[in-house]
Amino acid sequence: MNEIERRIQSIGIVPVIKLSEPTRDAIPLAKALIAGGVPVAEVTFRAAGAAKAIELMRDNCPEMLVGAGTVLTTEQIDEAVAAGAQFIVTPGMDAALVDHCRARGVAVFPGCTTPTDYHTAYKLGLEVLKFFPAEQSGGIAKLKAMAAPFPMFKIMPTGGIGLHNLADYAAQPMIVACGGSYMVTAELIENGRWDEITALCIRSVETVKEARGR
């Protein structure tokens, strides 16, 4: 794994964030995540202010590892990299986007849920994949089945993961980190409930540590 992947693995949690008001919320949110022991964010391009949020987090909280999620085009990759994104997450497997990320020198984690996706990732020489949507695609049972023919991959499952099942996912040997939005919901962010976000992050980190020690 590269340095970005190792840092993500050491944290164990990747908050998946959608910000509608980045100028207002990006910096206090980043500080809340850092205080909770989760200095990483996947800022999704489902919101128009994603690039601005990435820029604000990187400029004001340099200890944060900040990436762009829900990236669908090479133009979005360029926009994210220009804003300071350190990794790119795509919802599906697109070899052209993987190649473009490599050309730009940025880590990329494509969404993969099928044997064909995994095989494409293998041919591209990838090591860490996003598994999305995790629960809807078969969850842990599917991950275990996929790990049999493809034991070389580390996985970041995202989709349907919360405190109710975080430990079960984190305990699996192929899991590098779990993505989730339960600690950064729109309601928490829009109401500035930063202390609650920090508390959820602390609880999540503790859960991952306990699960990995099983």
Protein backbone atom coordinates (compact mmCIF):
# COMPACT_ATOMS: atom_id res chain seq x y z
CA MET A 1 0.00 0.00 0.00
CA ASN A 2 1.08 3.59 -0.56
CA GLU A 3 1.32 6.24 2.17
CA ILE A 4 -2.25 7.52 1.65
CA GLU A 5 -3.62 3.99 1.94
CA ARG A 6 -1.57 3.32 5.08
CA ARG A 7 -2.86 6.49 6.71
CA ILE A 8 -6.45 5.54 5.93
CA GLN A 9 -5.85 2.06 7.36
CA SER A 10 -4.39 3.50 10.56
CA ILE A 11 -7.52 5.61 11.10
CA GLY A 12 -9.98 2.86 10.11
CA ILE A 13 -12.92 5.18 9.40
CA VAL A 14 -13.58 7.45 6.40
CA PRO A 15 -16.44 9.95 6.87
CA VAL A 16 -18.34 10.44 3.62
CA ILE A 17 -19.39 14.07 3.58
CA LYS A 18 -21.85 16.13 1.54
CA LEU A 19 -21.60 19.86 2.23
CA SER A 20 -24.14 22.31 0.88
CA GLU A 21 -22.54 25.28 2.71
CA PRO A 22 -18.79 24.65 2.57
CA THR A 23 -17.78 28.20 3.51
CA ARG A 24 -19.78 27.90 6.74
CA ASP A 25 -19.24 24.25 7.61
CA ALA A 26 -16.02 22.84 6.14
CA ILE A 27 -13.57 24.16 8.74
CA PRO A 28 -15.58 23.47 11.92
CA LEU A 29 -16.43 20.02 10.57
CA ALA A 30 -12.78 19.24 9.90
CA LYS A 31 -11.88 20.35 13.42
CA ALA A 32 -14.65 18.17 14.87
CA LEU A 33 -13.35 15.14 12.97
CA ILE A 34 -9.78 15.78 14.10
CA ALA A 35 -10.92 16.12 17.72
CA GLY A 36 -12.63 12.74 17.38
CA GLY A 37 -9.48 11.02 16.13
CA VAL A 38 -10.69 10.81 12.52
CA PRO A 39 -8.51 13.24 10.52
CA VAL A 40 -9.82 12.13 7.12
CA ALA A 41 -12.74 13.08 4.90
CA GLU A 42 -14.21 11.94 1.61
CA VAL A 43 -15.99 15.04 0.31
CA THR A 44 -18.54 13.97 -2.28
CA PHE A 45 -19.05 15.76 -5.56
CA ARG A 46 -22.80 15.23 -5.13
CA ALA A 47 -22.77 18.80 -3.79
CA ALA A 48 -21.69 21.77 -5.88
CA GLY A 49 -19.33 23.10 -3.21
CA ALA A 50 -17.15 19.99 -2.95
CA ALA A 51 -13.99 21.54 -4.38
CA LYS A 52 -14.34 24.58 -2.12
CA ALA A 53 -14.79 22.33 0.92
CA ILE A 54 -11.66 20.35 0.03
CA GLU A 55 -9.68 23.56 -0.39
CA LEU A 56 -10.83 24.99 2.94
CA MET A 57 -10.09 21.78 4.85
CA ARG A 58 -6.62 21.40 3.34
CA ASP A 59 -5.68 25.06 3.85
CA ASN A 60 -6.93 25.34 7.44
CA CYS A 61 -6.38 21.84 8.78
CA PRO A 62 -3.17 20.55 7.19
CA GLU A 63 -3.20 17.41 9.34
CA MET A 64 -6.41 16.33 7.57
CA LEU A 65 -6.31 13.73 4.81
CA VAL A 66 -8.92 14.99 2.34
CA GLY A 67 -10.25 13.25 -0.75
CA ALA A 68 -13.02 13.64 -3.29
CA GLY A 69 -15.86 11.14 -3.59
CA THR A 70 -18.61 10.37 -6.11
CA VAL A 71 -16.22 11.42 -8.86
CA LEU A 72 -17.62 10.61 -12.30
CA THR A 73 -15.48 12.52 -14.82
CA THR A 74 -11.91 13.47 -15.59
CA GLU A 75 -12.97 17.11 -15.22
CA GLN A 76 -14.02 16.45 -11.63
CA ILE A 77 -10.69 14.74 -10.97
CA ASP A 78 -8.87 17.83 -12.24
CA GLU A 79 -11.07 20.11 -10.15
CA ALA A 80 -10.54 18.00 -7.02
CA VAL A 81 -6.76 17.81 -7.49
CA ALA A 82 -6.59 21.57 -8.07
CA ALA A 83 -8.41 22.03 -4.75
CA GLY A 84 -5.89 19.83 -2.97
CA ALA A 85 -7.58 16.42 -2.93
CA GLN A 86 -5.19 13.66 -1.87
CA PHE A 87 -7.30 10.77 -3.07
CA ILE A 88 -10.21 10.13 -5.44
CA VAL A 89 -13.13 7.76 -4.88
CA THR A 90 -15.38 6.72 -7.76
CA PRO A 91 -18.71 4.93 -7.28
CA GLY A 92 -17.93 2.41 -10.02
CA MET A 93 -15.02 0.86 -11.86
CA ASP A 94 -13.90 3.07 -14.75
CA ALA A 95 -10.44 2.27 -16.08
CA ALA A 96 -10.20 5.65 -17.83
CA LEU A 97 -10.70 7.47 -14.52
CA VAL A 98 -8.12 5.25 -12.83
CA ASP A 99 -5.62 6.04 -15.58
CA HIS A 100 -6.35 9.77 -15.31
CA CYS A 101 -5.81 9.73 -11.55
CA ARG A 102 -2.49 7.99 -12.04
CA ALA A 103 -1.48 10.54 -14.64
CA ARG A 104 -2.28 13.27 -12.10
CA GLY A 105 -0.38 11.45 -9.36
CA VAL A 106 -3.35 11.01 -7.03
CA ALA A 107 -4.50 7.83 -5.27
CA VAL A 108 -7.77 6.35 -6.55
CA PHE A 109 -10.24 3.91 -5.03
CA PRO A 110 -12.86 2.74 -7.56
CA GLY A 111 -16.16 1.20 -6.52
CA CYS A 112 -16.11 -2.55 -7.12
CA THR A 113 -18.72 -5.18 -6.25
CA THR A 114 -18.51 -7.87 -8.94
CA PRO A 115 -15.89 -10.40 -10.08
CA THR A 116 -15.55 -8.40 -13.29
CA ASP A 117 -14.84 -5.21 -11.31
CA TYR A 118 -12.26 -6.99 -9.19
CA HIS A 119 -10.60 -8.57 -12.21
CA THR A 120 -10.37 -5.19 -13.92
CA ALA A 121 -8.82 -3.75 -10.75
CA TYR A 122 -6.34 -6.63 -10.70
CA LYS A 123 -5.28 -5.94 -14.29
CA LEU A 124 -4.88 -2.25 -13.43
CA GLY A 125 -2.58 -3.13 -10.53
CA LEU A 126 -4.76 -1.61 -7.81
CA GLU A 127 -4.45 -2.69 -4.19
CA VAL A 128 -7.30 -0.94 -2.35
CA LEU A 129 -10.88 -0.89 -3.62
CA LYS A 130 -14.11 0.71 -2.52
CA PHE A 131 -16.96 -1.79 -2.06
CA PHE A 132 -20.14 0.17 -2.78
CA PRO A 133 -22.96 -0.06 -1.90
CA ALA A 134 -21.77 -2.52 0.72
CA GLU A 135 -24.88 -3.73 2.49
CA GLN A 136 -27.04 -3.63 -0.62
CA SER A 137 -24.43 -5.65 -2.55
CA GLY A 138 -24.26 -8.55 -0.13
CA GLY A 139 -22.31 -7.15 2.78
CA ILE A 140 -19.76 -9.21 4.67
CA ALA A 141 -20.85 -12.48 3.09
CA LYS A 142 -20.15 -11.07 -0.37
CA LEU A 143 -16.81 -9.63 0.72
CA LYS A 144 -15.72 -13.01 2.07
CA ALA A 145 -16.78 -14.73 -1.14
CA MET A 146 -14.91 -12.20 -3.28
CA ALA A 147 -11.77 -12.51 -1.15
CA ALA A 148 -11.41 -16.18 -2.08
CA PRO A 149 -10.41 -15.61 -5.74
CA PHE A 150 -9.05 -12.11 -5.06
CA PRO A 151 -7.11 -12.27 -1.77
CA MET A 152 -4.72 -9.54 -2.90
CA PHE A 153 -7.16 -6.67 -2.33
CA LYS A 154 -7.83 -4.51 0.71
CA ILE A 155 -11.35 -3.11 0.82
CA MET A 156 -13.12 0.07 1.95
CA PRO A 157 -16.81 -0.83 2.24
CA THR A 158 -19.27 2.06 2.12
CA GLY A 159 -23.06 2.04 2.12
CA GLY A 160 -25.30 0.93 4.96
CA ILE A 161 -22.51 0.92 7.54
CA GLY A 162 -23.15 2.44 10.96
CA LEU A 163 -22.37 1.83 14.59
CA HIS A 164 -24.73 -1.17 14.51
CA ASN A 165 -22.47 -3.15 12.17
CA LEU A 166 -19.15 -1.29 12.12
CA ALA A 167 -17.42 -3.83 14.37
CA ASP A 168 -18.49 -6.75 12.17
CA TYR A 169 -16.98 -5.10 9.10
CA ALA A 170 -13.84 -3.82 10.82
CA ALA A 171 -13.05 -7.31 12.13
CA GLN A 172 -12.73 -8.75 8.62
CA PRO A 173 -9.10 -9.21 7.52
CA MET A 174 -9.61 -7.67 4.08
CA ILE A 175 -10.99 -4.38 5.45
CA VAL A 176 -8.61 -1.40 5.37
CA ALA A 177 -11.25 1.10 6.60
CA CYS A 178 -15.00 1.58 6.62
CA GLY A 179 -16.72 4.52 4.96
CA GLY A 180 -19.85 6.03 6.40
CA SER A 181 -21.97 9.14 6.76
CA TYR A 182 -23.66 8.32 10.07
CA MET A 183 -21.26 10.60 11.97
CA VAL A 184 -21.63 13.46 9.46
CA THR A 185 -25.33 13.48 8.63
CA ALA A 186 -26.90 16.56 7.07
CA GLU A 187 -28.86 17.18 10.26
CA LEU A 188 -25.73 17.18 12.43
CA ILE A 189 -23.81 19.44 10.05
CA GLU A 190 -26.57 21.91 9.28
CA ASN A 191 -27.27 22.41 12.99
CA GLY A 192 -23.62 22.77 13.89
CA ARG A 193 -23.64 19.84 16.28
CA TRP A 194 -19.86 19.53 16.20
CA ASP A 195 -19.53 18.00 19.66
CA GLU A 196 -21.87 15.17 18.67
CA ILE A 197 -19.85 14.54 15.51
CA THR A 198 -16.69 14.36 17.61
CA ALA A 199 -18.34 11.96 20.05
CA LEU A 200 -19.49 9.69 17.22
CA CYS A 201 -15.98 9.68 15.79
CA ILE A 202 -14.46 8.75 19.15
CA ARG A 203 -16.93 5.91 19.54
CA SER A 204 -16.23 4.74 15.98
CA VAL A 205 -12.45 4.70 16.50
CA GLU A 206 -12.87 2.72 19.71
CA THR A 207 -15.16 0.26 17.93
CA VAL A 208 -12.65 -0.30 15.13
CA LYS A 209 -9.75 -0.80 17.55
CA GLU A 210 -11.74 -3.36 19.56
CA ALA A 211 -12.83 -5.17 16.40
CA ARG A 212 -9.29 -5.36 15.03
CA GLY A 213 -8.11 -6.82 18.31
CA ARG A 214 -10.51 -9.74 18.20
